[in-house]
Amino acid sequence: MPDTPGAMPGPPPSDRDPRDALPIRLTVDDSDSPSDVVDALFLGRFASGEQPYSHSVTIERVKADATLLPPAATVLRAARDTDRSATLAQGEGWTMLVSRWSRGADVTVTAVSDELAERVLGQATEGAQDEPEPQPENVTMGFWYVSPRRGPYRTTRQIGAGTWAEVRENYTAPVAGAMDRLMKITPDDIAGRLLLLHGPPGTGKTSALRTLARSWRDWCQVDCVLDPERLFNDVGYLMDIAIGEDEGSTKGRWRLLLLEDCDELIRGEARHTAGQALSRLLNLTDGLLGQGRNVLVGVTTNEDLERLHPAVVRPGRCLARIEVGKLTHREAVDWLGTEEGVSREGATLAELYALRRGTGSAAVLPPQPHGPAAGLYL
């Protein structure tokens, strides 16, 4: 239609404020933050079809001096919350949202063409990834959780882990022997998809898993599920993890999912107290859900073996089933370098570290260190 005589021409579409392009009205109240408003404004041009193409990327570690904005970007809104910042910017034919938290960021670009969205995103993020110096004693571990903002989400961290030779004497002889075999396993040796470590608190189950992650890092990606109680009661979350998010493109790489302190899930009365959760765990290890996926599941529990559900410990299901107990009196004395404070029944790893630090029943001088770290030995 021709222009109405005498009407003033409006600004070009790409110069309009994004809020003018929203096809709906939004109602905000005191529960919404400025960052929420920025998120809503960003969606306007994409929702209206003005900029129908989108590209996005997540960067886990952003360099401190990276702006994540391409050249000639005009900042329209900037909001900072206690744990997040959001920046809305635009340029000729494109709009960008940069959401930053801690060291990471989500960057999303909408544009009038797919090529433009991809190019602008590349300009904004080029060289922004901060790669820490590789440390031989560290291992990359993934952490899964359900985020209120993103849904099922995986992030990675560098975790310190000693070699098995360094931490082996932290375990009583039968456990050390079983762990010797486990540390040497390769993909060709896998028979059974469930790894079960059970025993009293403070005996070193978590420390053993960190060392296992280091021993297996050439062929196995290790992910810790921070909310296992939710995992097996949320089918969507379970499917996201079962499908997985693999590092690199190496075919045949395995994944080990770690579920810590899952007492209620695998004890004998689990079918009554946990509903379908136990069935879904077993289905992930050797049922239809696990078929075609190179997935192992590692579970730690403080329960006695006799109290575990028979379906969990049946022959053929477990790759390894190791009861991690106290060191004997002799082993504990050798570890500590003195008999002072050591019970006749022996001691857990946690008790020995407490004695070494002087916070147990006796204060002793520390002997030679056993492994690179004294923490995380639950």
Protein backbone atom coordinates (compact mmCIF):
# COMPACT_ATOMS: atom_id res chain seq x y z
CA MET A 1 0.00 0.00 0.00
CA PRO A 2 1.23 3.54 -0.76
CA ASP A 3 2.33 5.75 2.09
CA THR A 4 -0.32 7.99 3.61
CA PRO A 5 0.21 11.57 2.35
CA GLY A 6 1.87 13.69 4.98
CA ALA A 7 2.88 10.72 7.20
CA MET A 8 6.37 10.84 8.65
CA PRO A 9 8.48 7.79 7.68
CA GLY A 10 9.27 5.52 10.64
CA PRO A 11 12.70 4.22 11.55
CA PRO A 12 14.04 1.25 9.61
CA PRO A 13 13.03 -2.08 11.21
CA SER A 14 16.58 -2.86 12.35
CA ASP A 15 16.81 0.48 14.17
CA ARG A 16 13.65 -0.02 16.22
CA ASP A 17 13.86 -0.83 19.88
CA PRO A 18 13.32 -4.61 20.23
CA ARG A 19 10.38 -4.07 22.58
CA ASP A 20 8.46 -2.49 19.67
CA ALA A 21 8.76 -5.74 17.72
CA LEU A 22 7.26 -8.01 20.36
CA PRO A 23 4.03 -9.50 19.02
CA ILE A 24 2.66 -9.91 22.55
CA ARG A 25 2.38 -7.87 25.69
CA LEU A 26 4.40 -8.99 28.70
CA THR A 27 3.41 -8.44 32.28
CA VAL A 28 6.22 -8.12 34.79
CA ASP A 29 6.04 -7.93 38.55
CA ASP A 30 8.44 -7.77 41.47
CA SER A 31 9.39 -11.44 41.00
CA ASP A 32 11.02 -10.60 37.65
CA SER A 33 14.56 -9.25 37.44
CA PRO A 34 16.05 -6.83 34.91
CA SER A 35 17.80 -9.83 33.35
CA ASP A 36 14.40 -11.46 32.75
CA VAL A 37 13.26 -8.34 30.92
CA VAL A 38 16.41 -8.34 28.78
CA ASP A 39 15.74 -11.99 27.87
CA ALA A 40 12.20 -11.13 26.79
CA LEU A 41 13.29 -8.13 24.72
CA PHE A 42 15.84 -10.26 22.90
CA LEU A 43 13.16 -12.67 21.65
CA GLY A 44 11.12 -9.92 19.96
CA ARG A 45 12.68 -9.83 16.51
CA PHE A 46 12.98 -13.60 16.34
CA ALA A 47 9.37 -14.13 17.43
CA SER A 48 8.03 -11.57 14.96
CA GLY A 49 10.00 -13.10 12.06
CA GLU A 50 12.00 -9.95 11.47
CA GLN A 51 15.19 -11.90 12.26
CA PRO A 52 14.19 -15.55 11.76
CA TYR A 53 17.64 -17.17 12.07
CA SER A 54 19.49 -17.95 15.28
CA HIS A 55 22.89 -19.34 16.31
CA SER A 56 24.12 -19.85 19.86
CA VAL A 57 27.06 -21.24 21.80
CA THR A 58 27.97 -21.95 25.43
CA ILE A 59 31.49 -21.15 26.61
CA GLU A 60 32.49 -22.77 29.89
CA ARG A 61 35.52 -20.59 30.64
CA VAL A 62 35.60 -17.05 29.23
CA LYS A 63 38.77 -14.97 29.24
CA ALA A 64 38.55 -12.15 31.76
CA ASP A 65 39.04 -9.44 29.12
CA ALA A 66 36.61 -10.88 26.52
CA THR A 67 33.59 -8.64 25.82
CA LEU A 68 31.78 -11.27 23.71
CA LEU A 69 30.58 -8.45 21.45
CA PRO A 70 31.49 -8.12 17.77
CA PRO A 71 32.86 -4.88 16.27
CA ALA A 72 30.38 -2.02 15.87
CA ALA A 73 27.90 -3.54 18.32
CA THR A 74 25.50 -1.12 19.99
CA VAL A 75 24.55 -2.05 23.56
CA LEU A 76 20.84 -1.55 24.18
CA ARG A 77 20.41 -3.00 27.67
CA ALA A 78 22.77 -4.29 30.36
CA ALA A 79 21.62 -5.93 33.59
CA ARG A 80 23.60 -7.47 36.43
CA ASP A 81 22.19 -9.79 39.09
CA THR A 82 24.08 -11.34 41.96
CA ASP A 83 24.99 -14.43 39.94
CA ARG A 84 24.38 -13.42 36.32
CA SER A 85 24.67 -10.54 33.85
CA ALA A 86 22.74 -10.05 30.62
CA THR A 87 23.68 -7.75 27.73
CA LEU A 88 21.45 -6.98 24.76
CA ALA A 89 23.20 -5.59 21.68
CA GLN A 90 22.43 -5.05 18.01
CA GLY A 91 24.00 -4.25 14.66
CA GLU A 92 22.92 -4.08 11.05
CA GLY A 93 20.48 -6.96 10.61
CA TRP A 94 21.24 -8.79 13.86
CA THR A 95 20.56 -8.83 17.62
CA MET A 96 22.62 -10.50 20.32
CA LEU A 97 22.07 -11.68 23.90
CA VAL A 98 25.10 -12.37 26.10
CA SER A 99 24.31 -14.12 29.39
CA ARG A 100 27.30 -14.52 31.70
CA TRP A 101 27.64 -16.41 34.99
CA SER A 102 30.77 -17.10 37.00
CA ARG A 103 33.39 -17.96 34.33
CA GLY A 104 30.91 -19.14 31.68
CA ALA A 105 28.57 -17.55 29.14
CA ASP A 106 25.73 -18.25 26.71
CA VAL A 107 25.87 -16.19 23.51
CA THR A 108 22.92 -16.16 21.09
CA VAL A 109 22.52 -14.20 17.85
CA THR A 110 19.39 -13.71 15.75
CA ALA A 111 19.72 -12.27 12.25
CA VAL A 112 18.02 -11.70 8.93
CA SER A 113 20.02 -14.58 7.42
CA ASP A 114 21.58 -17.77 8.68
CA GLU A 115 24.99 -16.77 7.32
CA LEU A 116 24.90 -13.42 9.13
CA ALA A 117 23.94 -15.02 12.46
CA GLU A 118 26.78 -17.51 12.18
CA ARG A 119 29.32 -14.84 11.17
CA VAL A 120 28.40 -12.42 13.96
CA LEU A 121 28.52 -15.20 16.56
CA GLY A 122 31.97 -16.20 15.33
CA GLN A 123 33.22 -12.59 15.53
CA ALA A 124 31.87 -12.22 19.08
CA THR A 125 33.37 -15.43 20.47
CA GLU A 126 36.63 -15.73 18.52
CA GLY A 127 39.48 -16.20 21.00
CA ALA A 128 37.15 -15.87 24.02
CA GLN A 129 37.63 -19.42 25.31
CA ASP A 130 40.09 -19.51 28.18
CA GLU A 131 42.10 -22.72 28.14
CA PRO A 132 43.84 -23.40 31.45
CA GLU A 133 47.31 -24.83 31.45
CA PRO A 134 47.00 -28.61 31.28
CA GLN A 135 47.88 -30.24 34.59
CA PRO A 136 48.81 -33.92 34.54
CA GLU A 137 47.31 -34.56 37.97
CA ASN A 138 43.93 -33.11 36.95
CA VAL A 139 41.08 -34.85 35.20
CA THR A 140 38.09 -33.29 33.44
CA MET A 141 34.84 -34.29 35.11
CA GLY A 142 31.34 -33.36 33.99
CA PHE A 143 28.55 -32.37 36.35
CA TRP A 144 24.88 -32.81 35.41
CA TYR A 145 22.04 -31.01 37.16
CA VAL A 146 18.65 -29.53 36.37
CA SER A 147 18.95 -25.76 36.10
CA PRO A 148 15.86 -23.58 36.64
CA ARG A 149 16.92 -21.54 33.61
CA ARG A 150 18.29 -24.19 31.22
CA GLY A 151 16.70 -27.49 32.25
CA PRO A 152 19.06 -30.52 32.21
CA TYR A 153 22.54 -29.04 31.97
CA ARG A 154 26.14 -30.26 31.98
CA THR A 155 29.18 -28.27 33.02
CA THR A 156 32.79 -29.41 33.41
CA ARG A 157 35.50 -28.83 35.99
CA GLN A 158 39.12 -29.84 36.41
CA ILE A 159 39.31 -32.16 39.41
CA GLY A 160 42.53 -33.01 41.21
CA ALA A 161 43.16 -36.75 41.36
CA GLY A 162 46.15 -38.77 42.44
CA THR A 163 47.44 -41.84 40.65
CA TRP A 164 46.39 -45.22 41.99
CA ALA A 165 49.98 -45.88 43.08
CA GLU A 166 49.86 -42.72 45.21
CA VAL A 167 46.60 -43.51 47.02
CA ARG A 168 46.61 -47.31 47.08
CA GLU A 169 47.71 -47.59 50.72
CA ASN A 170 44.64 -45.58 51.75
CA TYR A 171 42.68 -48.83 51.38
CA THR A 172 42.70 -52.13 53.20
CA ALA A 173 44.34 -55.04 51.35
CA PRO A 174 41.19 -56.73 49.93
CA VAL A 175 39.88 -53.40 48.64
CA ALA A 176 43.26 -52.48 47.16
CA GLY A 177 43.38 -55.80 45.33
CA ALA A 178 39.91 -55.32 43.86
CA MET A 179 40.76 -51.76 42.86
CA ASP A 180 43.99 -52.94 41.22
CA ARG A 181 41.89 -54.90 38.75
CA LEU A 182 39.35 -52.11 38.28
CA MET A 183 41.98 -49.46 37.51
CA LYS A 184 43.40 -51.61 34.70
CA ILE A 185 40.08 -52.29 32.94
CA THR A 186 39.80 -51.33 29.26
CA PRO A 187 36.69 -51.23 27.03
CA ASP A 188 37.46 -54.78 25.89
CA ASP A 189 37.20 -56.01 29.49
CA ILE A 190 33.74 -54.59 30.28
CA ALA A 191 31.23 -57.20 31.40
CA GLY A 192 28.41 -55.60 33.35
CA ARG A 193 27.50 -51.93 33.37
CA LEU A 194 27.10 -51.22 37.11
CA LEU A 195 29.97 -50.23 39.39
CA LEU A 196 28.99 -50.45 43.05
CA LEU A 197 31.09 -49.10 45.93
CA HIS A 198 29.49 -49.61 49.32
CA GLY A 199 30.64 -49.28 52.91
CA PRO A 200 30.66 -46.97 55.93
CA PRO A 201 31.12 -43.19 55.55
CA GLY A 202 34.69 -41.93 55.51
CA THR A 203 36.29 -44.99 53.95
CA GLY A 204 37.40 -43.32 50.72
CA LYS A 205 34.74 -44.21 48.14
CA THR A 206 34.68 -40.77 46.52
CA SER A 207 38.48 -40.55 46.50
CA ALA A 208 38.63 -43.91 44.72
CA LEU A 209 36.22 -42.67 42.05
CA ARG A 210 38.36 -39.58 41.40
CA THR A 211 41.39 -41.80 40.93
CA LEU A 212 39.38 -44.12 38.68
CA ALA A 213 38.40 -41.12 36.52
CA ARG A 214 42.09 -40.37 36.06
CA SER A 215 42.98 -43.99 35.28
CA TRP A 216 40.22 -44.25 32.67
CA ARG A 217 40.43 -40.77 31.15
CA ASP A 218 41.89 -41.99 27.84
CA TRP A 219 38.76 -43.97 27.00
CA CYS A 220 36.00 -42.91 29.41
CA GLN A 221 34.24 -39.60 30.04
CA VAL A 222 33.20 -39.30 33.70
CA ASP A 223 30.07 -37.34 34.68
CA CYS A 224 28.75 -36.84 38.20
CA VAL A 225 24.96 -36.43 38.57
CA LEU A 226 24.39 -33.87 41.34
CA ASP A 227 20.68 -34.62 41.76
CA PRO A 228 20.31 -38.41 41.32
CA GLU A 229 17.04 -38.45 43.26
CA ARG A 230 15.53 -36.36 40.48
CA LEU A 231 17.21 -38.19 37.62
CA PHE A 232 15.21 -41.40 37.85
CA ASN A 233 11.92 -39.63 38.53
CA ASP A 234 12.17 -37.29 35.53
CA VAL A 235 12.03 -39.17 32.24
CA GLY A 236 13.14 -36.13 30.20
CA TYR A 237 16.20 -35.63 32.40
CA LEU A 238 17.05 -39.33 32.19
CA MET A 239 16.79 -39.33 28.40
CA ASP A 240 19.07 -36.28 28.11
CA ILE A 241 21.72 -38.04 30.17
CA ALA A 242 21.24 -41.41 28.45
CA ILE A 243 21.69 -39.76 25.06
CA GLY A 244 24.65 -37.94 26.55
CA GLU A 245 26.90 -35.04 25.77
CA ASP A 246 30.22 -36.41 24.61
CA GLU A 247 33.56 -34.64 24.67
CA GLY A 248 35.26 -34.80 21.32
CA SER A 249 34.27 -36.99 18.43
CA THR A 250 36.14 -40.20 19.19
CA LYS A 251 33.90 -43.12 18.33
CA GLY A 252 33.50 -45.81 20.95
CA ARG A 253 34.31 -43.54 23.90
CA TRP A 254 32.53 -44.68 27.05
CA ARG A 255 30.79 -42.61 29.71
CA LEU A 256 30.68 -43.29 33.45
CA LEU A 257 27.77 -41.68 35.32
CA LEU A 258 28.49 -41.29 39.03
CA LEU A 259 25.59 -41.33 41.50
CA GLU A 260 26.73 -40.74 45.07
CA ASP A 261 24.94 -41.71 48.28
CA CYS A 262 22.03 -43.46 46.58
CA ASP A 263 21.00 -45.49 49.64
CA GLU A 264 17.25 -45.14 49.16
CA LEU A 265 17.47 -46.03 45.50
CA ILE A 266 19.17 -49.43 45.76
CA ARG A 267 18.37 -50.81 49.21
CA GLY A 268 16.18 -53.90 49.52
CA GLU A 269 12.85 -52.09 49.88
CA ALA A 270 13.58 -49.72 47.00
CA ARG A 271 10.66 -50.86 44.85
CA HIS A 272 8.25 -49.71 47.53
CA THR A 273 9.96 -46.44 48.47
CA ALA A 274 11.38 -45.27 45.14
CA GLY A 275 8.67 -46.33 42.71
CA GLN A 276 9.97 -46.65 39.15
CA ALA A 277 13.36 -45.14 40.00
CA LEU A 278 15.10 -48.48 40.61
CA SER A 279 13.63 -50.00 37.44
CA ARG A 280 14.91 -47.07 35.40
CA LEU A 281 18.37 -47.38 36.92
CA LEU A 282 18.51 -51.06 35.96
CA ASN A 283 17.13 -50.26 32.50
CA LEU A 284 19.95 -47.77 31.98
CA THR A 285 22.59 -50.37 32.87
CA ASP A 286 21.40 -53.40 30.88
CA GLY A 287 17.87 -52.78 29.61
CA LEU A 288 16.54 -51.29 26.40
CA LEU A 289 17.50 -47.76 27.44
CA GLY A 290 21.16 -48.74 27.72
CA GLN A 291 21.31 -50.67 24.45
CA GLY A 292 23.63 -49.09 21.90
CA ARG A 293 25.01 -46.64 24.45
CA ASN A 294 28.47 -47.05 25.97
CA VAL A 295 27.29 -46.07 29.43
CA LEU A 296 28.48 -47.31 32.82
CA VAL A 297 26.80 -46.31 36.07
CA GLY A 298 28.84 -45.92 39.25
CA VAL A 299 26.91 -45.90 42.53
CA THR A 300 28.17 -45.25 46.06
CA THR A 301 26.17 -46.15 49.13
CA ASN A 302 26.71 -46.49 52.87
CA GLU A 303 24.41 -49.52 52.99
CA ASP A 304 25.59 -53.02 53.94
CA LEU A 305 25.64 -55.51 51.08
CA GLU A 306 22.91 -57.58 52.76
CA ARG A 307 20.52 -54.62 52.62
CA LEU A 308 20.94 -53.97 48.90
CA HIS A 309 18.22 -54.96 46.47
CA PRO A 310 18.93 -58.40 44.92
CA ALA A 311 18.23 -57.03 41.43
CA VAL A 312 21.12 -54.59 41.86
CA VAL A 313 23.70 -57.16 42.92
CA ARG A 314 22.65 -60.10 40.76
CA PRO A 315 25.50 -61.86 38.85
CA GLY A 316 26.35 -60.31 35.50
CA ARG A 317 24.99 -56.85 36.29
CA CYS A 318 27.99 -55.43 38.14
CA LEU A 319 31.29 -54.63 36.49
CA ALA A 320 32.65 -54.47 40.04
CA ARG A 321 31.08 -54.67 43.49
CA ILE A 322 33.53 -53.50 46.13
CA GLU A 323 32.92 -53.13 49.84
CA VAL A 324 35.19 -50.32 51.01
CA GLY A 325 35.87 -50.80 54.72
CA LYS A 326 38.23 -49.64 57.44
CA LEU A 327 41.95 -50.20 57.40
CA THR A 328 42.99 -52.87 59.89
CA HIS A 329 44.83 -51.83 63.06
CA ARG A 330 48.19 -52.77 61.53
CA GLU A 331 47.43 -50.98 58.24
CA ALA A 332 46.22 -47.87 60.07
CA VAL A 333 49.36 -47.75 62.25
CA ASP A 334 51.58 -48.12 59.19
CA TRP A 335 49.63 -45.34 57.42
CA LEU A 336 49.79 -42.97 60.41
CA GLY A 337 53.27 -43.82 61.64
CA THR A 338 52.14 -44.27 65.25
CA GLU A 339 49.76 -46.37 67.31
CA GLU A 340 48.52 -43.39 69.30
CA GLY A 341 44.82 -42.84 68.79
CA VAL A 342 44.26 -45.90 66.60
CA SER A 343 41.52 -48.27 67.73
CA ARG A 344 42.00 -52.04 67.90
CA GLU A 345 39.28 -52.32 65.27
CA GLY A 346 41.27 -50.18 62.88
CA ALA A 347 40.26 -46.82 61.42
CA THR A 348 38.57 -45.25 58.45
CA LEU A 349 40.49 -42.97 56.14
CA ALA A 350 38.57 -39.98 57.49
CA GLU A 351 39.58 -40.87 61.06
CA LEU A 352 43.22 -41.19 60.07
CA TYR A 353 43.24 -37.77 58.41
CA ALA A 354 41.60 -36.32 61.52
CA LEU A 355 44.37 -37.83 63.67
CA ARG A 356 47.02 -36.47 61.33
CA ARG A 357 45.55 -32.98 61.59
CA GLY A 358 45.25 -33.23 65.35
CA THR A 359 41.45 -33.07 65.35
CA GLY A 360 40.89 -36.72 66.28
CA SER A 361 41.36 -38.49 69.61
CA ALA A 362 45.11 -37.84 69.51
CA ALA A 363 47.33 -35.22 67.90
CA VAL A 364 50.19 -36.67 65.90
CA LEU A 365 52.79 -35.28 63.58
CA PRO A 366 52.01 -35.98 59.91
CA PRO A 367 54.04 -38.71 58.22
CA GLN A 368 54.82 -38.66 54.53
CA PRO A 369 51.72 -37.63 52.53
CA HIS A 370 49.53 -40.35 51.03
CA GLY A 371 48.38 -38.95 47.72
CA PRO A 372 48.06 -35.35 46.53
CA ALA A 373 45.07 -34.29 48.64
CA ALA A 374 43.54 -35.04 52.00
CA GLY A 375 39.97 -34.16 51.13
CA LEU A 376 37.03 -35.91 49.54
CA TYR A 377 37.44 -39.33 51.09
CA LEU A 378 33.80 -40.05 51.91
